[in-house]
Structures are given as C-alpha cells and as structure tokens.
C-alpha cells in the first residue's frame, strides 16, 4: 500500500494527429490538475505494459484508436488483468472498449441506436438508404470509416465480413455528446454544423435527452470512469446513439467555461479516489 499519494501511470499519445482537436493540450491541462492529489507519469500506449508495474494504477486517456497499436493494447490488457493492476476506465466496459459489437447488440435489443448490421447479407434488416456507412469493428475517430452508395454496401467489397459494420447514412440535424463521470452527468456539447464535428458549443439537454443518455450509461454498468454518449438528432427529431465511448473519450475541455471545467476536474478527482479505494490501492 502506498505510504503517501497514489502513483498513477497516465496513458496518452500526445502526438496523435486528431482532426480538429489537440489531444496534448487536453491531457497537459488535466494532468496539471490531477497532480495536485496524485503522483503522475505520462507514457505512450505502446509503453504502458512495460511500465505499469511501477505504479498503483493506470489511467487511460487520449491514447488514440487501438487499431494503431493493437498488439501493444492487447498486451497491456492481458498484463493488467493477470496482475490485477487497477485500470481507469475499468476494463469491463461494454462500449467502444470492447469494439463495436454493442451497436449490433443494441440494434437487436430495439434500443434507440443507428440501426447496425455486421454482414452485407443482412442489409435487408436496415432501413433503405441511398448511402451507407461502413466502419471497422475496432475503429475510432472515424478511422477506416467510409460512406458508400447502396450498390457497394450490398457487395463483399465493404471488407472482411467479420471486421466491418454497416449502417444507413442518417441525414441528421446535429450531433450532441453527453459526458459522465461514474454514473453522474457532467455537461453536454453539440456540433450545430454536421460538417464540423469538433466545432462544439455548450448544449442544454432536456430531461428527455438526459434520460436517453443515462439509459446507455446504465446499460454499460461501469461503476467508475469517464464515458461519452454520442448521439445524433434524426430527421424525426429523436436522438439515436452514434457511439458509446468508454475507453478513451476526448472531453473537449477547451469548449467549457471555467466553472464547468473545474467541476469536471473535481468530479474526476473524486471518482479516482473512490476507484482507488474500491481497488484496495488506498484505505479509507
């Protein structure tokens, strides 16, 4: 048990070239605040497995799509599970952390998600569309995403049947993201221009919006951690789930006012303390 402050290995790819965002700025800010209560060291996701034994816990933040370092990520997961090293977010997430199978599961369950199938021959189960979205099961940050005409979506050319998902292209009004720490809502941001996904503005959710987002957070059953529920406003006015980000969701902290940003940092700090206590890293 640590005699003083918990030692945290903070996993981030500071040089990742994210479109419309600067991962490094967000993680430099967040670690500068977390250092007030934790001893921190930053590392690239490829180095996490080799370094984690020297720390009490690992925090995975803006580490980029795992397709870029899949071998290292699988080694990290295996080592963390084998040694019992606490990882935040916990490795039990059912959303993007486990790939995009959840989009198929939620579709089959009839939940409000963009309808999704995993095989071209199942396209008949989707609403008819002139265009379809094809995305890798392990994709993130639009990595490998393609928009194809209907003729191509029905052909094997969409890719290996086991590796891609197919969805109808939704001509949505805007995208909106809901951010949670543990099970608690923190803030919401939306992109008024569908062509500018990361040009975000504060969004005041209705009670129905929050019920929608909380439904997926509850489904994910993560007791600790940061989650982002991404949704789009469909032509009929309803929200549809786009993604449930529970591995390394970008937080867009630069789009917040000071009070909201400070409240989020406080909530994350408190969540980490609870997580470390629950994991047996600290007593109290």
C-alpha atoms as a PDB file:
ATOM      1  CA  UNK A   1       0.000   0.000   0.000  1.00  0.00           C
ATOM      2  CA  UNK A   2       1.421   3.434  -0.848  1.00  0.00           C
ATOM      3  CA  UNK A   3       2.627   5.401   2.179  1.00  0.00           C
ATOM      4  CA  UNK A   4       1.625   8.754   0.736  1.00  0.00           C
ATOM      5  CA  UNK A   5      -0.018   9.612  -2.563  1.00  0.00           C
ATOM      6  CA  UNK A   6      -1.101   7.039  -5.159  1.00  0.00           C
ATOM      7  CA  UNK A   7       1.208   6.683  -8.148  1.00  0.00           C
ATOM      8  CA  UNK A   8      -0.659   6.811 -11.454  1.00  0.00           C
ATOM      9  CA  UNK A   9       0.581   5.934 -14.927  1.00  0.00           C
ATOM     10  CA  UNK A  10      -1.339   8.228 -17.281  1.00  0.00           C
ATOM     11  CA  UNK A  11      -1.541   6.767 -20.804  1.00  0.00           C
ATOM     12  CA  UNK A  12      -1.790   9.233 -23.679  1.00  0.00           C
ATOM     13  CA  UNK A  13      -0.484   9.771 -27.191  1.00  0.00           C
ATOM     14  CA  UNK A  14       0.475  13.442 -27.056  1.00  0.00           C
ATOM     15  CA  UNK A  15       1.499  13.447 -30.730  1.00  0.00           C
ATOM     16  CA  UNK A  16      -1.649  11.820 -32.117  1.00  0.00           C
ATOM     17  CA  UNK A  17      -2.860  13.930 -35.090  1.00  0.00           C
ATOM     18  CA  UNK A  18      -6.547  14.168 -34.222  1.00  0.00           C
ATOM     19  CA  UNK A  19      -8.672  16.094 -36.687  1.00  0.00           C
ATOM     20  CA  UNK A  20      -9.943  19.332 -35.173  1.00  0.00           C
ATOM     21  CA  UNK A  21      -8.540  18.598 -31.699  1.00  0.00           C
ATOM     22  CA  UNK A  22      -5.276  18.730 -29.788  1.00  0.00           C
ATOM     23  CA  UNK A  23      -5.033  15.707 -27.523  1.00  0.00           C
ATOM     24  CA  UNK A  24      -1.853  17.054 -25.976  1.00  0.00           C
ATOM     25  CA  UNK A  25      -3.470  20.279 -24.733  1.00  0.00           C
ATOM     26  CA  UNK A  26      -6.279  18.427 -23.005  1.00  0.00           C
ATOM     27  CA  UNK A  27      -4.002  15.938 -21.274  1.00  0.00           C
ATOM     28  CA  UNK A  28      -1.435  18.551 -20.273  1.00  0.00           C
ATOM     29  CA  UNK A  29      -4.246  20.510 -18.612  1.00  0.00           C
ATOM     30  CA  UNK A  30      -5.880  17.535 -16.933  1.00  0.00           C
ATOM     31  CA  UNK A  31      -2.638  16.089 -15.578  1.00  0.00           C
ATOM     32  CA  UNK A  32      -1.619  19.515 -14.275  1.00  0.00           C
ATOM     33  CA  UNK A  33      -4.743  19.458 -12.127  1.00  0.00           C
ATOM     34  CA  UNK A  34      -4.616  15.799 -11.114  1.00  0.00           C
ATOM     35  CA  UNK A  35      -1.032  16.263  -9.915  1.00  0.00           C
ATOM     36  CA  UNK A  36      -2.445  18.246  -7.007  1.00  0.00           C
ATOM     37  CA  UNK A  37      -3.561  14.931  -5.459  1.00  0.00           C
ATOM     38  CA  UNK A  38      -1.721  12.133  -7.303  1.00  0.00           C
ATOM     39  CA  UNK A  39       1.853  11.364  -8.334  1.00  0.00           C
ATOM     40  CA  UNK A  40       1.684  11.107 -12.118  1.00  0.00           C
ATOM     41  CA  UNK A  41       3.834   9.995 -15.023  1.00  0.00           C
ATOM     42  CA  UNK A  42       2.746  10.117 -18.665  1.00  0.00           C
ATOM     43  CA  UNK A  43       3.528   7.418 -21.216  1.00  0.00           C
ATOM     44  CA  UNK A  44       2.650   6.408 -24.770  1.00  0.00           C
ATOM     45  CA  UNK A  45       0.182   3.486 -25.081  1.00  0.00           C
ATOM     46  CA  UNK A  46       2.919   1.316 -26.588  1.00  0.00           C
ATOM     47  CA  UNK A  47       4.921   1.662 -23.358  1.00  0.00           C
ATOM     48  CA  UNK A  48       2.116   1.031 -20.861  1.00  0.00           C
ATOM     49  CA  UNK A  49       2.589  -2.728 -20.442  1.00  0.00           C
ATOM     50  CA  UNK A  50       6.310  -2.351 -19.762  1.00  0.00           C
ATOM     51  CA  UNK A  51       5.915   0.498 -17.254  1.00  0.00           C
ATOM     52  CA  UNK A  52       2.716  -0.304 -15.367  1.00  0.00           C
ATOM     53  CA  UNK A  53       4.331  -2.452 -12.644  1.00  0.00           C
ATOM     54  CA  UNK A  54       5.882   0.640 -11.105  1.00  0.00           C
ATOM     55  CA  UNK A  55       2.507   2.273 -10.416  1.00  0.00           C
ATOM     56  CA  UNK A  56      -0.526   1.745  -8.240  1.00  0.00           C
ATOM     57  CA  UNK A  57      -2.998   2.276 -11.081  1.00  0.00           C
ATOM     58  CA  UNK A  58      -3.222   3.159 -14.764  1.00  0.00           C
ATOM     59  CA  UNK A  59      -5.421   5.913 -16.211  1.00  0.00           C
ATOM     60  CA  UNK A  60      -6.106   5.572 -19.945  1.00  0.00           C
ATOM     61  CA  UNK A  61      -6.944   8.891 -21.548  1.00  0.00           C
ATOM     62  CA  UNK A  62      -6.337  10.261 -25.072  1.00  0.00           C
ATOM     63  CA  UNK A  63      -4.447   7.228 -26.335  1.00  0.00           C
ATOM     64  CA  UNK A  64      -5.859   7.197 -29.874  1.00  0.00           C
ATOM     65  CA  UNK A  65      -7.551   4.363 -31.825  1.00  0.00           C
ATOM     66  CA  UNK A  66      -6.282   0.959 -30.703  1.00  0.00           C
ATOM     67  CA  UNK A  67      -6.031  -0.139 -34.347  1.00  0.00           C
ATOM     68  CA  UNK A  68      -2.839   1.904 -34.449  1.00  0.00           C
ATOM     69  CA  UNK A  69      -1.208  -0.203 -31.715  1.00  0.00           C
ATOM     70  CA  UNK A  70      -3.446  -3.259 -31.364  1.00  0.00           C
ATOM     71  CA  UNK A  71      -0.636  -5.629 -30.375  1.00  0.00           C
ATOM     72  CA  UNK A  72       0.511  -3.321 -27.578  1.00  0.00           C
ATOM     73  CA  UNK A  73      -3.047  -2.752 -26.370  1.00  0.00           C
ATOM     74  CA  UNK A  74      -3.778  -6.468 -26.168  1.00  0.00           C
ATOM     75  CA  UNK A  75      -0.531  -6.994 -24.246  1.00  0.00           C
ATOM     76  CA  UNK A  76      -1.459  -4.176 -21.867  1.00  0.00           C
ATOM     77  CA  UNK A  77      -4.954  -5.592 -21.234  1.00  0.00           C
ATOM     78  CA  UNK A  78      -3.632  -9.092 -20.677  1.00  0.00           C
ATOM     79  CA  UNK A  79      -0.955  -7.904 -18.269  1.00  0.00           C
ATOM     80  CA  UNK A  80      -3.335  -5.676 -16.310  1.00  0.00           C
ATOM     81  CA  UNK A  81      -5.857  -8.488 -15.923  1.00  0.00           C
ATOM     82  CA  UNK A  82      -3.170 -11.002 -14.971  1.00  0.00           C
ATOM     83  CA  UNK A  83      -1.578  -8.780 -12.336  1.00  0.00           C
ATOM     84  CA  UNK A  84      -4.777  -7.187 -11.050  1.00  0.00           C
ATOM     85  CA  UNK A  85      -3.492  -3.692 -11.791  1.00  0.00           C
ATOM     86  CA  UNK A  86      -6.388  -1.212 -11.452  1.00  0.00           C
ATOM     87  CA  UNK A  87      -7.155   0.460 -14.795  1.00  0.00           C
ATOM     88  CA  UNK A  88      -9.369   3.541 -15.130  1.00  0.00           C
ATOM     89  CA  UNK A  89     -11.647   3.203 -17.003  1.00  0.00           C
ATOM     90  CA  UNK A  90     -12.032  -0.386 -15.764  1.00  0.00           C
ATOM     91  CA  UNK A  91     -11.538  -2.983 -18.493  1.00  0.00           C
ATOM     92  CA  UNK A  92     -15.096  -4.286 -18.127  1.00  0.00           C
ATOM     93  CA  UNK A  93     -16.671  -1.650 -20.394  1.00  0.00           C
ATOM     94  CA  UNK A  94     -19.239  -2.907 -22.900  1.00  0.00           C
ATOM     95  CA  UNK A  95     -18.977   0.081 -25.265  1.00  0.00           C
ATOM     96  CA  UNK A  96     -16.136   1.041 -27.609  1.00  0.00           C
ATOM     97  CA  UNK A  97     -13.657  -0.524 -25.190  1.00  0.00           C
ATOM     98  CA  UNK A  98     -14.851  -3.920 -26.425  1.00  0.00           C
ATOM     99  CA  UNK A  99     -15.146  -2.920 -30.088  1.00  0.00           C
ATOM    100  CA  UNK A 100     -18.401  -2.001 -31.793  1.00  0.00           C
ATOM    101  CA  UNK A 101     -20.297  -5.237 -31.218  1.00  0.00           C
ATOM    102  CA  UNK A 102     -22.504  -3.246 -28.847  1.00  0.00           C
ATOM    103  CA  UNK A 103     -24.052  -1.441 -31.828  1.00  0.00           C
ATOM    104  CA  UNK A 104     -25.293  -4.797 -33.087  1.00  0.00           C
ATOM    105  CA  UNK A 105     -26.461  -5.836 -29.633  1.00  0.00           C
ATOM    106  CA  UNK A 106     -28.336  -2.576 -29.051  1.00  0.00           C
ATOM    107  CA  UNK A 107     -29.926  -2.793 -32.505  1.00  0.00           C
ATOM    108  CA  UNK A 108     -31.141  -6.319 -31.767  1.00  0.00           C
ATOM    109  CA  UNK A 109     -32.477  -5.127 -28.398  1.00  0.00           C
ATOM    110  CA  UNK A 110     -34.525  -2.386 -30.083  1.00  0.00           C
ATOM    111  CA  UNK A 111     -32.789   0.490 -28.307  1.00  0.00           C
ATOM    112  CA  UNK A 112     -32.573   3.956 -29.948  1.00  0.00           C
ATOM    113  CA  UNK A 113     -29.328   3.452 -31.869  1.00  0.00           C
ATOM    114  CA  UNK A 114     -28.454   3.941 -35.533  1.00  0.00           C
ATOM    115  CA  UNK A 115     -29.506   0.542 -36.962  1.00  0.00           C
ATOM    116  CA  UNK A 116     -26.429  -1.621 -37.479  1.00  0.00           C
ATOM    117  CA  UNK A 117     -25.635  -4.983 -39.063  1.00  0.00           C
ATOM    118  CA  UNK A 118     -22.386  -6.917 -39.190  1.00  0.00           C
ATOM    119  CA  UNK A 119     -22.706  -8.652 -42.551  1.00  0.00           C
ATOM    120  CA  UNK A 120     -23.526  -7.348 -46.045  1.00  0.00           C
ATOM    121  CA  UNK A 121     -26.148 -10.082 -46.460  1.00  0.00           C
ATOM    122  CA  UNK A 122     -28.049  -8.609 -43.512  1.00  0.00           C
ATOM    123  CA  UNK A 123     -28.608  -5.255 -45.209  1.00  0.00           C
ATOM    124  CA  UNK A 124     -32.279  -6.112 -45.675  1.00  0.00           C
ATOM    125  CA  UNK A 125     -32.670  -5.652 -41.912  1.00  0.00           C
ATOM    126  CA  UNK A 126     -31.755  -1.964 -42.219  1.00  0.00           C
ATOM    127  CA  UNK A 127     -33.958   0.917 -43.368  1.00  0.00           C
ATOM    128  CA  UNK A 128     -33.420   1.563 -47.074  1.00  0.00           C
ATOM    129  CA  UNK A 129     -30.925   4.316 -47.820  1.00  0.00           C
ATOM    130  CA  UNK A 130     -29.140   5.758 -50.824  1.00  0.00           C
ATOM    131  CA  UNK A 131     -25.860   5.655 -48.907  1.00  0.00           C
ATOM    132  CA  UNK A 132     -24.452   3.527 -46.138  1.00  0.00           C
ATOM    133  CA  UNK A 133     -21.721   3.962 -43.557  1.00  0.00           C
ATOM    134  CA  UNK A 134     -19.134   1.188 -43.364  1.00  0.00           C
ATOM    135  CA  UNK A 135     -16.861   1.203 -40.302  1.00  0.00           C
ATOM    136  CA  UNK A 136     -14.334  -1.182 -38.720  1.00  0.00           C
ATOM    137  CA  UNK A 137     -15.471  -3.042 -35.618  1.00  0.00           C
ATOM    138  CA  UNK A 138     -12.374  -1.802 -33.798  1.00  0.00           C
ATOM    139  CA  UNK A 139     -12.368   1.675 -35.332  1.00  0.00           C
ATOM    140  CA  UNK A 140     -12.414   5.040 -33.573  1.00  0.00           C
ATOM    141  CA  UNK A 141     -12.043   8.697 -34.503  1.00  0.00           C
ATOM    142  CA  UNK A 142     -13.546   7.852 -37.938  1.00  0.00           C
ATOM    143  CA  UNK A 143     -10.532   5.617 -38.596  1.00  0.00           C
ATOM    144  CA  UNK A 144     -11.369   3.463 -41.635  1.00  0.00           C
ATOM    145  CA  UNK A 145     -14.913   4.832 -41.923  1.00  0.00           C
ATOM    146  CA  UNK A 146     -16.353   5.023 -45.438  1.00  0.00           C
ATOM    147  CA  UNK A 147     -19.613   6.285 -46.899  1.00  0.00           C
ATOM    148  CA  UNK A 148     -20.629   4.171 -49.890  1.00  0.00           C
ATOM    149  CA  UNK A 149     -23.586   4.034 -52.299  1.00  0.00           C
ATOM    150  CA  UNK A 150     -26.158   1.305 -51.765  1.00  0.00           C
ATOM    151  CA  UNK A 151     -24.735  -0.885 -54.541  1.00  0.00           C
ATOM    152  CA  UNK A 152     -21.359  -1.082 -52.824  1.00  0.00           C
ATOM    153  CA  UNK A 153     -22.817  -1.662 -49.377  1.00  0.00           C
ATOM    154  CA  UNK A 154     -24.513  -4.828 -50.597  1.00  0.00           C
ATOM    155  CA  UNK A 155     -21.321  -6.228 -52.086  1.00  0.00           C
ATOM    156  CA  UNK A 156     -18.476  -8.090 -50.353  1.00  0.00           C
ATOM    157  CA  UNK A 157     -16.251  -5.132 -51.263  1.00  0.00           C
ATOM    158  CA  UNK A 158     -17.242  -3.495 -47.981  1.00  0.00           C
ATOM    159  CA  UNK A 159     -14.481  -5.568 -46.414  1.00  0.00           C
ATOM    160  CA  UNK A 160     -13.995  -8.719 -44.419  1.00  0.00           C
ATOM    161  CA  UNK A 161     -17.418  -9.717 -43.138  1.00  0.00           C
ATOM    162  CA  UNK A 162     -16.096 -10.146 -39.607  1.00  0.00           C
ATOM    163  CA  UNK A 163     -14.310  -6.810 -39.483  1.00  0.00           C
ATOM    164  CA  UNK A 164     -16.842  -4.194 -40.526  1.00  0.00           C
ATOM    165  CA  UNK A 165     -20.241  -2.872 -39.555  1.00  0.00           C
ATOM    166  CA  UNK A 166     -22.805  -1.337 -41.911  1.00  0.00           C
ATOM    167  CA  UNK A 167     -25.333   1.381 -41.078  1.00  0.00           C
ATOM    168  CA  UNK A 168     -27.718   3.539 -43.130  1.00  0.00           C
ATOM    169  CA  UNK A 169     -26.395   7.043 -43.628  1.00  0.00           C
ATOM    170  CA  UNK A 170     -28.506   9.318 -41.414  1.00  0.00           C
ATOM    171  CA  UNK A 171     -29.019  12.889 -42.626  1.00  0.00           C
ATOM    172  CA  UNK A 172     -29.064  14.225 -39.060  1.00  0.00           C
ATOM    173  CA  UNK A 173     -29.594  17.803 -37.920  1.00  0.00           C
ATOM    174  CA  UNK A 174     -26.645  17.834 -35.498  1.00  0.00           C
ATOM    175  CA  UNK A 175     -24.574  15.669 -33.183  1.00  0.00           C
ATOM    176  CA  UNK A 176     -24.590  16.014 -29.427  1.00  0.00           C
ATOM    177  CA  UNK A 177     -22.375  14.434 -26.763  1.00  0.00           C
ATOM    178  CA  UNK A 178     -23.188  13.808 -23.101  1.00  0.00           C
ATOM    179  CA  UNK A 179     -20.289  13.447 -20.668  1.00  0.00           C
ATOM    180  CA  UNK A 180     -20.466  11.387 -17.488  1.00  0.00           C
ATOM    181  CA  UNK A 181     -18.116  10.651 -14.595  1.00  0.00           C
ATOM    182  CA  UNK A 182     -19.112   7.365 -12.990  1.00  0.00           C
ATOM    183  CA  UNK A 183     -22.908   7.487 -13.369  1.00  0.00           C
ATOM    184  CA  UNK A 184     -23.164  11.254 -12.927  1.00  0.00           C
ATOM    185  CA  UNK A 185     -23.908  13.656 -15.779  1.00  0.00           C
ATOM    186  CA  UNK A 186     -21.369  16.484 -16.091  1.00  0.00           C
ATOM    187  CA  UNK A 187     -22.075  18.512 -19.251  1.00  0.00           C
ATOM    188  CA  UNK A 188     -23.219  18.285 -22.859  1.00  0.00           C
ATOM    189  CA  UNK A 189     -21.801  19.758 -26.064  1.00  0.00           C
ATOM    190  CA  UNK A 190     -23.162  19.793 -29.571  1.00  0.00           C
ATOM    191  CA  UNK A 191     -21.936  20.482 -33.081  1.00  0.00           C
ATOM    192  CA  UNK A 192     -24.537  22.697 -34.799  1.00  0.00           C
ATOM    193  CA  UNK A 193     -22.863  22.138 -38.175  1.00  0.00           C
ATOM    194  CA  UNK A 194     -22.865  18.444 -39.181  1.00  0.00           C
ATOM    195  CA  UNK A 195     -19.828  19.104 -41.365  1.00  0.00           C
ATOM    196  CA  UNK A 196     -17.790  20.386 -38.406  1.00  0.00           C
ATOM    197  CA  UNK A 197     -17.971  17.583 -35.825  1.00  0.00           C
ATOM    198  CA  UNK A 198     -15.481  19.135 -33.408  1.00  0.00           C
ATOM    199  CA  UNK A 199     -16.663  22.747 -33.576  1.00  0.00           C
ATOM    200  CA  UNK A 200     -18.581  22.335 -30.354  1.00  0.00           C
ATOM    201  CA  UNK A 201     -20.834  24.592 -28.330  1.00  0.00           C
ATOM    202  CA  UNK A 202     -22.474  24.134 -24.911  1.00  0.00           C
ATOM    203  CA  UNK A 203     -25.781  22.298 -25.074  1.00  0.00           C
ATOM    204  CA  UNK A 204     -28.569  22.433 -22.500  1.00  0.00           C
ATOM    205  CA  UNK A 205     -30.152  18.976 -22.541  1.00  0.00           C
ATOM    206  CA  UNK A 206     -33.830  18.416 -21.898  1.00  0.00           C
ATOM    207  CA  UNK A 207     -34.938  15.855 -19.357  1.00  0.00           C
ATOM    208  CA  UNK A 208     -35.754  13.533 -22.271  1.00  0.00           C
ATOM    209  CA  UNK A 209     -32.217  13.999 -23.635  1.00  0.00           C
ATOM    210  CA  UNK A 210     -30.722  13.060 -20.254  1.00  0.00           C
ATOM    211  CA  UNK A 211     -32.998  10.041 -19.943  1.00  0.00           C
ATOM    212  CA  UNK A 212     -31.753   8.922 -23.357  1.00  0.00           C
ATOM    213  CA  UNK A 213     -28.078   9.292 -22.405  1.00  0.00           C
ATOM    214  CA  UNK A 214     -28.464   7.755 -18.940  1.00  0.00           C
ATOM    215  CA  UNK A 215     -30.083   4.690 -20.466  1.00  0.00           C
ATOM    216  CA  UNK A 216     -26.823   3.806 -22.193  1.00  0.00           C
ATOM    217  CA  UNK A 217     -24.630   4.673 -19.219  1.00  0.00           C
ATOM    218  CA  UNK A 218     -26.756   2.347 -17.091  1.00  0.00           C
ATOM    219  CA  UNK A 219     -26.542  -0.361 -19.761  1.00  0.00           C
ATOM    220  CA  UNK A 220     -22.755  -0.160 -19.675  1.00  0.00           C
ATOM    221  CA  UNK A 221     -22.649  -0.935 -15.912  1.00  0.00           C
ATOM    222  CA  UNK A 222     -19.284   0.783 -15.309  1.00  0.00           C
ATOM    223  CA  UNK A 223     -19.096   1.684 -11.639  1.00  0.00           C
ATOM    224  CA  UNK A 224     -16.188   4.068 -12.175  1.00  0.00           C
ATOM    225  CA  UNK A 225     -14.816   6.038 -15.082  1.00  0.00           C
ATOM    226  CA  UNK A 226     -15.459   8.645 -17.763  1.00  0.00           C
ATOM    227  CA  UNK A 227     -17.963   8.000 -20.537  1.00  0.00           C
ATOM    228  CA  UNK A 228     -19.174   9.993 -23.520  1.00  0.00           C
ATOM    229  CA  UNK A 229     -22.518   9.215 -25.108  1.00  0.00           C
ATOM    230  CA  UNK A 230     -22.539  10.435 -28.723  1.00  0.00           C
ATOM    231  CA  UNK A 231     -25.890  10.873 -30.418  1.00  0.00           C
ATOM    232  CA  UNK A 232     -27.419  12.482 -33.493  1.00  0.00           C
ATOM    233  CA  UNK A 233     -30.734  14.272 -33.883  1.00  0.00           C
ATOM    234  CA  UNK A 234     -32.524  12.240 -36.559  1.00  0.00           C
ATOM    235  CA  UNK A 235     -34.920  13.762 -39.119  1.00  0.00           C
ATOM    236  CA  UNK A 236     -37.894  12.740 -36.961  1.00  0.00           C
ATOM    237  CA  UNK A 237     -36.490  14.768 -34.048  1.00  0.00           C
ATOM    238  CA  UNK A 238     -35.467  11.779 -31.935  1.00  0.00           C
ATOM    239  CA  UNK A 239     -31.962  11.063 -30.680  1.00  0.00           C
ATOM    240  CA  UNK A 240     -30.111   7.998 -31.923  1.00  0.00           C
ATOM    241  CA  UNK A 241     -26.937   6.628 -30.372  1.00  0.00           C
ATOM    242  CA  UNK A 242     -23.867   7.003 -32.562  1.00  0.00           C
ATOM    243  CA  UNK A 243     -21.198   5.720 -30.165  1.00  0.00           C
ATOM    244  CA  UNK A 244     -20.702   4.869 -26.516  1.00  0.00           C
ATOM    245  CA  UNK A 245     -17.134   5.978 -25.792  1.00  0.00           C
ATOM    246  CA  UNK A 246     -15.826   4.262 -22.658  1.00  0.00           C
ATOM    247  CA  UNK A 247     -12.161   3.621 -23.425  1.00  0.00           C
ATOM    248  CA  UNK A 248     -10.529   6.991 -24.045  1.00  0.00           C
ATOM    249  CA  UNK A 249     -13.209   9.582 -24.843  1.00  0.00           C
ATOM    250  CA  UNK A 250     -11.935  13.011 -25.823  1.00  0.00           C
ATOM    251  CA  UNK A 251     -13.537  15.506 -23.440  1.00  0.00           C
ATOM    252  CA  UNK A 252     -13.406  18.824 -25.342  1.00  0.00           C
ATOM    253  CA  UNK A 253     -12.497  20.611 -22.111  1.00  0.00           C
ATOM    254  CA  UNK A 254     -11.440  23.660 -24.110  1.00  0.00           C
ATOM    255  CA  UNK A 255     -15.093  24.190 -25.111  1.00  0.00           C
ATOM    256  CA  UNK A 256     -16.202  24.604 -21.477  1.00  0.00           C
ATOM    257  CA  UNK A 257     -16.378  27.668 -19.280  1.00  0.00           C
ATOM    258  CA  UNK A 258     -14.115  27.756 -16.242  1.00  0.00           C
ATOM    259  CA  UNK A 259     -16.798  26.733 -13.748  1.00  0.00           C
ATOM    260  CA  UNK A 260     -17.890  23.677 -15.748  1.00  0.00           C
ATOM    261  CA  UNK A 261     -14.304  22.635 -16.405  1.00  0.00           C
ATOM    262  CA  UNK A 262     -13.416  22.967 -12.719  1.00  0.00           C
ATOM    263  CA  UNK A 263     -16.479  20.950 -11.749  1.00  0.00           C
ATOM    264  CA  UNK A 264     -15.478  18.192 -14.155  1.00  0.00           C
ATOM    265  CA  UNK A 265     -11.931  18.059 -12.752  1.00  0.00           C
ATOM    266  CA  UNK A 266     -13.327  17.868  -9.222  1.00  0.00           C
ATOM    267  CA  UNK A 267     -15.701  15.054 -10.204  1.00  0.00           C
ATOM    268  CA  UNK A 268     -12.897  13.118 -11.915  1.00  0.00           C
ATOM    269  CA  UNK A 269     -10.567  13.561  -8.942  1.00  0.00           C
ATOM    270  CA  UNK A 270     -13.256  12.320  -6.554  1.00  0.00           C
ATOM    271  CA  UNK A 271     -14.024   9.399  -8.867  1.00  0.00           C
ATOM    272  CA  UNK A 272     -10.360   8.387  -8.979  1.00  0.00           C
ATOM    273  CA  UNK A 273     -10.149   8.449  -5.192  1.00  0.00           C
ATOM    274  CA  UNK A 274     -13.263   6.243  -4.945  1.00  0.00           C
ATOM    275  CA  UNK A 275     -11.879   3.895  -7.583  1.00  0.00           C
ATOM    276  CA  UNK A 276      -8.536   3.546  -5.818  1.00  0.00           C
ATOM    277  CA  UNK A 277     -10.265   2.838  -2.512  1.00  0.00           C
ATOM    278  CA  UNK A 278     -12.539   0.248  -4.138  1.00  0.00           C
ATOM    279  CA  UNK A 279      -9.475  -1.338  -5.772  1.00  0.00           C
ATOM    280  CA  UNK A 280      -7.651  -1.567  -2.448  1.00  0.00           C
ATOM    281  CA  UNK A 281      -4.884   0.797  -3.508  1.00  0.00           C
ATOM    282  CA  UNK A 282      -5.640   3.201  -0.672  1.00  0.00           C
ATOM    283  CA  UNK A 283      -7.517   2.758   2.594  1.00  0.00           C
ATOM    284  CA  UNK A 284     -10.218   4.971   3.921  1.00  0.00           C
END
